[in-house]
PDB file of N, CA and C in Angstrom:
ATOM      1  N   MET A   1     109.440  96.012  91.016  1.00  0.00           N
ATOM      2  CA  MET A   1     108.878  97.087  90.565  1.00  0.00           C
ATOM      3  C   MET A   1     107.992  98.215  91.248  1.00  0.00           C
ATOM      4  N   ILE A   2     108.152  99.458  90.184  1.00  0.00           N
ATOM      5  CA  ILE A   2     107.545 100.694  91.799  1.00  0.00           C
ATOM      6  C   ILE A   2     106.774 100.901  90.862  1.00  0.00           C
ATOM      7  N   HIS A   3     105.575 101.565  91.641  1.00  0.00           N
ATOM      8  CA  HIS A   3     104.634 101.651  91.147  1.00  0.00           C
ATOM      9  C   HIS A   3     103.883 102.929  91.856  1.00  0.00           C
ATOM     10  N   LEU A   4     103.249 103.584  91.767  1.00  0.00           N
ATOM     11  CA  LEU A   4     102.177 104.426  92.469  1.00  0.00           C
ATOM     12  C   LEU A   4     101.258 104.234  92.074  1.00  0.00           C
ATOM     13  N   CYS A   5     100.225 104.255  93.191  1.00  0.00           N
ATOM     14  CA  CYS A   5      98.387 104.356  92.339  1.00  0.00           C
ATOM     15  C   CYS A   5      97.899 105.280  93.903  1.00  0.00           C
ATOM     16  N   VAL A   6      96.918 106.023  93.318  1.00  0.00           N
ATOM     17  CA  VAL A   6      95.851 106.264  94.201  1.00  0.00           C
ATOM     18  C   VAL A   6      94.664 105.559  94.752  1.00  0.00           C
ATOM     19  N   ILE A   7      94.226 105.519  95.365  1.00  0.00           N
ATOM     20  CA  ILE A   7      93.337 104.910  95.501  1.00  0.00           C
ATOM     21  C   ILE A   7      91.773 105.251  95.700  1.00  0.00           C
ATOM     22  N   CYS A   8      91.375 104.999  94.965  1.00  0.00           N
ATOM     23  CA  CYS A   8      89.799 105.581  94.700  1.00  0.00           C
ATOM     24  C   CYS A   8      88.819 104.204  94.759  1.00  0.00           C
ATOM     25  N   CYS A   9      87.166 104.208  96.163  1.00  0.00           N
ATOM     26  CA  CYS A   9      86.543 102.795  96.200  1.00  0.00           C
ATOM     27  C   CYS A   9      87.168 101.946  96.919  1.00  0.00           C
ATOM     28  N   GLY A  10      88.188 102.228  97.697  1.00  0.00           N
ATOM     29  CA  GLY A  10      89.178 101.531  98.272  1.00  0.00           C
ATOM     30  C   GLY A  10      89.946 100.618  97.321  1.00  0.00           C
ATOM     31  N   ARG A  11      90.383 101.228  96.002  1.00  0.00           N
ATOM     32  CA  ARG A  11      90.969 100.264  95.269  1.00  0.00           C
ATOM     33  C   ARG A  11      92.378 100.297  94.321  1.00  0.00           C
ATOM     34  N   ALA A  12      94.085 100.125  94.387  1.00  0.00           N
ATOM     35  CA  ALA A  12      94.667 100.646  94.170  1.00  0.00           C
ATOM     36  C   ALA A  12      94.876 100.535  92.453  1.00  0.00           C
ATOM     37  N   VAL A  13      94.883 101.682  92.219  1.00  0.00           N
ATOM     38  CA  VAL A  13      94.615 102.411  90.517  1.00  0.00           C
ATOM     39  C   VAL A  13      96.410 102.432  90.418  1.00  0.00           C
ATOM     40  N   PRO A  14      96.562 102.051  90.071  1.00  0.00           N
ATOM     41  CA  PRO A  14      98.007 102.731  88.887  1.00  0.00           C
ATOM     42  C   PRO A  14      98.286 103.979  88.448  1.00  0.00           C
ATOM     43  N   LEU A  15      99.035 104.849  88.818  1.00  0.00           N
ATOM     44  CA  LEU A  15      98.869 106.533  88.339  1.00  0.00           C
ATOM     45  C   LEU A  15     100.656 106.475  86.804  1.00  0.00           C
ATOM     46  N   PHE A  16     101.203 105.855  88.123  1.00  0.00           N
ATOM     47  CA  PHE A  16     102.893 106.167  87.414  1.00  0.00           C
ATOM     48  C   PHE A  16     103.322 104.203  88.151  1.00  0.00           C
ATOM     49  N   TRP A  17     104.772 104.186  86.665  1.00  0.00           N
ATOM     50  CA  TRP A  17     104.849 102.749  87.214  1.00  0.00           C
ATOM     51  C   TRP A  17     106.707 102.118  86.035  1.00  0.00           C
ATOM     52  N   ARG A  18     107.495 101.512  86.790  1.00  0.00           N
ATOM     53  CA  ARG A  18     109.019 102.000  86.540  1.00  0.00           C
ATOM     54  C   ARG A  18     109.096 100.169  86.496  1.00  0.00           C
ATOM     55  N   VAL A  19     109.780 100.178  85.622  1.00  0.00           N
ATOM     56  CA  VAL A  19     110.051  98.557  86.352  1.00  0.00           C
ATOM     57  C   VAL A  19     111.750  98.496  86.014  1.00  0.00           C
ATOM     58  N   LEU A  20     112.210  97.838  87.221  1.00  0.00           N
ATOM     59  CA  LEU A  20     114.479  98.313  87.678  1.00  0.00           C
ATOM     60  C   LEU A  20     114.626  96.879  87.186  1.00  0.00           C
ATOM     61  N   GLU A  21     115.695  96.757  86.372  1.00  0.00           N
ATOM     62  CA  GLU A  21     116.503  95.036  86.589  1.00  0.00           C
ATOM     63  C   GLU A  21     117.499  95.335  87.767  1.00  0.00           C
ATOM     64  N   GLN A  22     117.436  94.359  88.760  1.00  0.00           N
ATOM     65  CA  GLN A  22     117.944  94.308  90.336  1.00  0.00           C
ATOM     66  C   GLN A  22     118.565  93.495  91.060  1.00  0.00           C
ATOM     67  N   CYS A  23     118.752  92.867  92.122  1.00  0.00           N
ATOM     68  CA  CYS A  23     118.904  92.067  92.213  1.00  0.00           C
ATOM     69  C   CYS A  23     117.831  92.401  93.788  1.00  0.00           C
ATOM     70  N   SER A  24     118.677  93.337  94.391  1.00  0.00           N
ATOM     71  CA  SER A  24     118.312  93.955  95.952  1.00  0.00           C
ATOM     72  C   SER A  24     116.117  94.285  95.407  1.00  0.00           C
ATOM     73  N   ALA A  25     115.899  94.267  96.907  1.00  0.00           N
ATOM     74  CA  ALA A  25     114.779  94.663  96.914  1.00  0.00           C
ATOM     75  C   ALA A  25     114.368  95.562  97.189  1.00  0.00           C
ATOM     76  N   THR A  26     115.415  96.308  98.113  1.00  0.00           N
ATOM     77  CA  THR A  26     115.964  98.113  98.063  1.00  0.00           C
ATOM     78  C   THR A  26     116.004  99.027  96.796  1.00  0.00           C
ATOM     79  N   VAL A  27     115.209  99.787  96.939  1.00  0.00           N
ATOM     80  CA  VAL A  27     114.889 100.506  95.605  1.00  0.00           C
ATOM     81  C   VAL A  27     116.085 102.169  96.636  1.00  0.00           C
ATOM     82  N   LYS A  28     116.723 102.572  95.841  1.00  0.00           N
ATOM     83  CA  LYS A  28     117.219 104.146  95.844  1.00  0.00           C
ATOM     84  C   LYS A  28     116.234 105.070  95.540  1.00  0.00           C
ATOM     85  N   PHE A  29     116.845 106.047  96.217  1.00  0.00           N
ATOM     86  CA  PHE A  29     115.820 107.003  96.111  1.00  0.00           C
ATOM     87  C   PHE A  29     115.767 107.978  94.830  1.00  0.00           C
ATOM     88  N   ARG A  30     116.832 107.723  94.302  1.00  0.00           N
ATOM     89  CA  ARG A  30     117.364 107.949  92.592  1.00  0.00           C
ATOM     90  C   ARG A  30     116.604 107.487  91.602  1.00  0.00           C
ATOM     91  N   GLU A  31     115.770 106.524  92.004  1.00  0.00           N
ATOM     92  CA  GLU A  31     115.467 105.601  91.568  1.00  0.00           C
ATOM     93  C   GLU A  31     113.728 105.517  91.226  1.00  0.00           C
ATOM     94  N   TYR A  32     113.094 106.064  91.858  1.00  0.00           N
ATOM     95  CA  TYR A  32     111.770 106.684  91.944  1.00  0.00           C
ATOM     96  C   TYR A  32     112.247 107.484  92.168  1.00  0.00           C
ATOM     97  N   LYS A  33     112.463 108.425  92.612  1.00  0.00           N
ATOM     98  CA  LYS A  33     112.227 110.087  92.323  1.00  0.00           C
ATOM     99  C   LYS A  33     111.251 110.668  91.155  1.00  0.00           C
ATOM    100  N   PRO A  34     111.497 110.630  90.245  1.00  0.00           N
ATOM    101  CA  PRO A  34     111.781 111.072  88.695  1.00  0.00           C
ATOM    102  C   PRO A  34     109.761 110.778  88.745  1.00  0.00           C
ATOM    103  N   LEU A  35     109.377 109.332  89.644  1.00  0.00           N
ATOM    104  CA  LEU A  35     108.349 109.280  89.317  1.00  0.00           C
ATOM    105  C   LEU A  35     107.227 109.393  90.457  1.00  0.00           C
ATOM    106  N   LEU A  36     107.903 110.314  91.708  1.00  0.00           N
ATOM    107  CA  LEU A  36     107.063 111.091  92.327  1.00  0.00           C
ATOM    108  C   LEU A  36     107.260 112.396  92.055  1.00  0.00           C
ATOM    109  N   ARG A  37     108.076 113.129  91.234  1.00  0.00           N
ATOM    110  CA  ARG A  37     107.918 114.288  90.853  1.00  0.00           C
ATOM    111  C   ARG A  37     106.462 114.614  90.295  1.00  0.00           C
ATOM    112  N   LYS A  38     106.470 113.306  88.980  1.00  0.00           N
ATOM    113  CA  LYS A  38     104.731 113.479  87.537  1.00  0.00           C
ATOM    114  C   LYS A  38     103.798 113.364  89.118  1.00  0.00           C
ATOM    115  N   ALA A  39     104.215 112.149  89.640  1.00  0.00           N
ATOM    116  CA  ALA A  39     102.664 112.562  90.864  1.00  0.00           C
ATOM    117  C   ALA A  39     102.800 113.963  91.420  1.00  0.00           C
ATOM    118  N   ARG A  40     103.666 114.662  91.701  1.00  0.00           N
ATOM    119  CA  ARG A  40     102.875 116.119  92.364  1.00  0.00           C
ATOM    120  C   ARG A  40     102.853 117.040  91.264  1.00  0.00           C
ATOM    121  N   TRP A  41     103.377 116.620  90.244  1.00  0.00           N
ATOM    122  CA  TRP A  41     102.825 117.330  89.132  1.00  0.00           C
ATOM    123  C   TRP A  41     100.897 117.286  88.887  1.00  0.00           C
ATOM    124  N   PHE A  42     100.967 115.956  89.276  1.00  0.00           N
ATOM    125  CA  PHE A  42      99.874 114.965  88.566  1.00  0.00           C
ATOM    126  C   PHE A  42      98.651 115.918  89.859  1.00  0.00           C
ATOM    127  N   VAL A  43      98.862 116.075  90.788  1.00  0.00           N
ATOM    128  CA  VAL A  43      98.414 116.278  91.965  1.00  0.00           C
ATOM    129  C   VAL A  43      98.126 117.465  92.427  1.00  0.00           C
ATOM    130  N   THR A  44      99.249 118.607  91.410  1.00  0.00           N
ATOM    131  CA  THR A  44      98.972 119.773  91.340  1.00  0.00           C
ATOM    132  C   THR A  44      98.022 120.838  92.656  1.00  0.00           C
ATOM    133  N   TYR A  45      96.867 120.163  92.086  1.00  0.00           N
ATOM    134  CA  TYR A  45      95.486 120.606  92.572  1.00  0.00           C
ATOM    135  C   TYR A  45      94.517 119.689  93.191  1.00  0.00           C
ATOM    136  N   HIS A  46      95.692 119.160  94.569  1.00  0.00           N
ATOM    137  CA  HIS A  46      95.176 118.212  95.469  1.00  0.00           C
ATOM    138  C   HIS A  46      95.706 118.232  96.681  1.00  0.00           C
ATOM    139  N   PRO A  47      96.006 119.343  97.320  1.00  0.00           N
ATOM    140  CA  PRO A  47      96.618 120.175  98.278  1.00  0.00           C
ATOM    141  C   PRO A  47      96.687 118.921  99.633  1.00  0.00           C
ATOM    142  N   ASP A  48      95.965 118.016  99.939  1.00  0.00           N
ATOM    143  CA  ASP A  48      96.398 117.157 100.519  1.00  0.00           C
ATOM    144  C   ASP A  48      95.891 115.514 100.099  1.00  0.00           C
ATOM    145  N   VAL A  49      97.454 115.155 100.349  1.00  0.00           N
ATOM    146  CA  VAL A  49      97.947 113.871 100.100  1.00  0.00           C
ATOM    147  C   VAL A  49      98.919 113.100 100.835  1.00  0.00           C
ATOM    148  N   MET A  50      98.746 111.781 101.162  1.00  0.00           N
ATOM    149  CA  MET A  50      99.505 111.175 101.738  1.00  0.00           C
ATOM    150  C   MET A  50      99.912 110.209 100.848  1.00  0.00           C
ATOM    151  N   LEU A  51     101.645 109.644 101.320  1.00  0.00           N
ATOM    152  CA  LEU A  51     101.771 108.567 100.330  1.00  0.00           C
ATOM    153  C   LEU A  51     102.324 107.329 101.811  1.00  0.00           C
ATOM    154  N   LEU A  52     102.301 105.634 101.130  1.00  0.00           N
ATOM    155  CA  LEU A  52     101.569 105.379 102.194  1.00  0.00           C
ATOM    156  C   LEU A  52     103.664 104.738 101.182  1.00  0.00           C
ATOM    157  N   ALA A  53     104.164 103.647 102.329  1.00  0.00           N
ATOM    158  CA  ALA A  53     104.844 103.255 101.420  1.00  0.00           C
ATOM    159  C   ALA A  53     105.746 102.147 102.473  1.00  0.00           C
ATOM    160  N   ASP A  54     106.098 101.444 101.967  1.00  0.00           N
ATOM    161  CA  ASP A  54     107.106 100.187 101.874  1.00  0.00           C
ATOM    162  C   ASP A  54     108.339 100.279 103.025  1.00  0.00           C
ATOM    163  N   LEU A  55     108.406  99.913 103.283  1.00  0.00           N
ATOM    164  CA  LEU A  55     110.197  99.791 104.564  1.00  0.00           C
ATOM    165  C   LEU A  55     110.972  99.591 102.960  1.00  0.00           C
ATOM    166  N   ARG A  56     111.282  99.135 102.220  1.00  0.00           N
ATOM    167  CA  ARG A  56     111.772  99.455 101.558  1.00  0.00           C
ATOM    168  C   ARG A  56     112.086 100.319 101.133  1.00  0.00           C
ATOM    169  N   PHE A  57     111.103 101.685 100.991  1.00  0.00           N
ATOM    170  CA  PHE A  57     111.677 103.047 100.468  1.00  0.00           C
ATOM    171  C   PHE A  57     111.990 103.690 101.249  1.00  0.00           C
ATOM    172  N   ALA A  58     111.218 103.288 103.069  1.00  0.00           N
ATOM    173  CA  ALA A  58     112.011 104.306 103.965  1.00  0.00           C
ATOM    174  C   ALA A  58     113.340 105.239 103.592  1.00  0.00           C
ATOM    175  N   ASN A  59     113.867 106.249 103.635  1.00  0.00           N
ATOM    176  CA  ASN A  59     114.761 106.584 103.431  1.00  0.00           C
ATOM    177  C   ASN A  59     114.745 108.565 103.707  1.00  0.00           C
ATOM    178  N   HIS A  60     115.729 109.013 104.364  1.00  0.00           N
ATOM    179  CA  HIS A  60     116.041 110.456 104.755  1.00  0.00           C
ATOM    180  C   HIS A  60     115.700 110.691 103.626  1.00  0.00           C
ATOM    181  N   ASN A  61     116.319 110.644 101.970  1.00  0.00           N
ATOM    182  CA  ASN A  61     115.837 111.663 100.966  1.00  0.00           C
ATOM    183  C   ASN A  61     114.449 112.044 100.805  1.00  0.00           C
ATOM    184  N   LEU A  62     113.779 110.637 100.949  1.00  0.00           N
ATOM    185  CA  LEU A  62     112.371 110.549 100.037  1.00  0.00           C
ATOM    186  C   LEU A  62     111.035 111.643 101.810  1.00  0.00           C
ATOM    187  N   ILE A  63     111.811 111.745 103.177  1.00  0.00           N
ATOM    188  CA  ILE A  63     111.852 112.346 104.009  1.00  0.00           C
ATOM    189  C   ILE A  63     111.264 113.232 103.436  1.00  0.00           C
ATOM    190  N   SER A  64     113.013 113.885 103.464  1.00  0.00           N
ATOM    191  CA  SER A  64     113.341 115.401 103.226  1.00  0.00           C
ATOM    192  C   SER A  64     112.212 115.811 102.068  1.00  0.00           C
ATOM    193  N   TRP A  65     112.175 114.883 101.179  1.00  0.00           N
ATOM    194  CA  TRP A  65     111.032 115.779 100.127  1.00  0.00           C
ATOM    195  C   TRP A  65     109.490 115.635 100.020  1.00  0.00           C
ATOM    196  N   LEU A  66     108.960 114.962 100.483  1.00  0.00           N
ATOM    197  CA  LEU A  66     107.987 114.501 101.082  1.00  0.00           C
ATOM    198  C   LEU A  66     107.975 115.542 101.550  1.00  0.00           C
ATOM    199  N   GLN A  67     108.763 116.374 102.902  1.00  0.00           N
ATOM    200  CA  GLN A  67     108.318 117.724 103.548  1.00  0.00           C
ATOM    201  C   GLN A  67     108.485 118.139 103.118  1.00  0.00           C
ATOM    202  N   ALA A  68     109.534 118.963 102.201  1.00  0.00           N
ATOM    203  CA  ALA A  68     109.748 119.812 101.345  1.00  0.00           C
ATOM    204  C   ALA A  68     108.395 120.218 100.448  1.00  0.00           C
ATOM    205  N   SER A  69     107.567 118.934  99.949  1.00  0.00           N
ATOM    206  CA  SER A  69     106.118 118.704  99.074  1.00  0.00           C
ATOM    207  C   SER A  69     105.270 119.005  99.255  1.00  0.00           C
ATOM    208  N   GLY A  70     105.680 119.116 101.085  1.00  0.00           N
ATOM    209  CA  GLY A  70     104.117 119.154 101.771  1.00  0.00           C
ATOM    210  C   GLY A  70     103.202 117.912 101.967  1.00  0.00           C
ATOM    211  N   TRP A  71     103.118 116.756 101.137  1.00  0.00           N
ATOM    212  CA  TRP A  71     102.726 115.730 101.015  1.00  0.00           C
ATOM    213  C   TRP A  71     102.954 115.075 103.120  1.00  0.00           C
ATOM    214  N   HIS A  72     101.198 114.697 103.129  1.00  0.00           N
ATOM    215  CA  HIS A  72     102.062 113.745 104.063  1.00  0.00           C
ATOM    216  C   HIS A  72     102.180 112.473 104.135  1.00  0.00           C
ATOM    217  N   TYR A  73     102.519 111.511 105.710  1.00  0.00           N
ATOM    218  CA  TYR A  73     103.389 110.010 104.332  1.00  0.00           C
ATOM    219  C   TYR A  73     103.063 109.727 105.378  1.00  0.00           C
ATOM    220  N   CYS A  74     102.923 107.992 105.875  1.00  0.00           N
ATOM    221  CA  CYS A  74     102.736 107.302 106.915  1.00  0.00           C
ATOM    222  C   CYS A  74     104.321 105.705 106.165  1.00  0.00           C
ATOM    223  N   LEU A  75     105.158 105.781 106.382  1.00  0.00           N
ATOM    224  CA  LEU A  75     106.016 104.600 106.215  1.00  0.00           C
ATOM    225  C   LEU A  75     106.897 103.733 107.181  1.00  0.00           C
ATOM    226  N   ARG A  76     106.579 102.491 106.003  1.00  0.00           N
ATOM    227  CA  ARG A  76     106.637 101.072 107.518  1.00  0.00           C
ATOM    228  C   ARG A  76     107.675 100.640 107.358  1.00  0.00           C
ATOM    229  N   LEU A  77     108.591 101.301 109.089  1.00  0.00           N
ATOM    230  CA  LEU A  77     109.420 101.250 109.114  1.00  0.00           C
ATOM    231  C   LEU A  77     109.622  99.761 110.236  1.00  0.00           C
ATOM    232  N   ARG A  78     111.253  99.748 110.512  1.00  0.00           N
ATOM    233  CA  ARG A  78     111.468  98.420 111.689  1.00  0.00           C
ATOM    234  C   ARG A  78     111.578  99.015 112.806  1.00  0.00           C
ATOM    235  N   ALA A  79     111.441  98.266 113.846  1.00  0.00           N
ATOM    236  CA  ALA A  79     110.704  98.917 114.788  1.00  0.00           C
ATOM    237  C   ALA A  79     111.785  99.240 115.664  1.00  0.00           C
TER     238      ALA A  79
END
């Protein structure tokens, strides 16, 4: 399951989610890009957005998308 949450009072509140049927824990960008697009529309009037993502989501496509969207990001990467 992949989900996008907003942080409110120190709690993660689910905003959008999707259940995937696959064996790998790594998620391809094309699988979660629609969620990011919905979230971008949802936060249109909130320009200061930060995406926190786990190691499994870090890739060049995501970073390019985030930079084009003007979002801040913090991605957990391998050393």
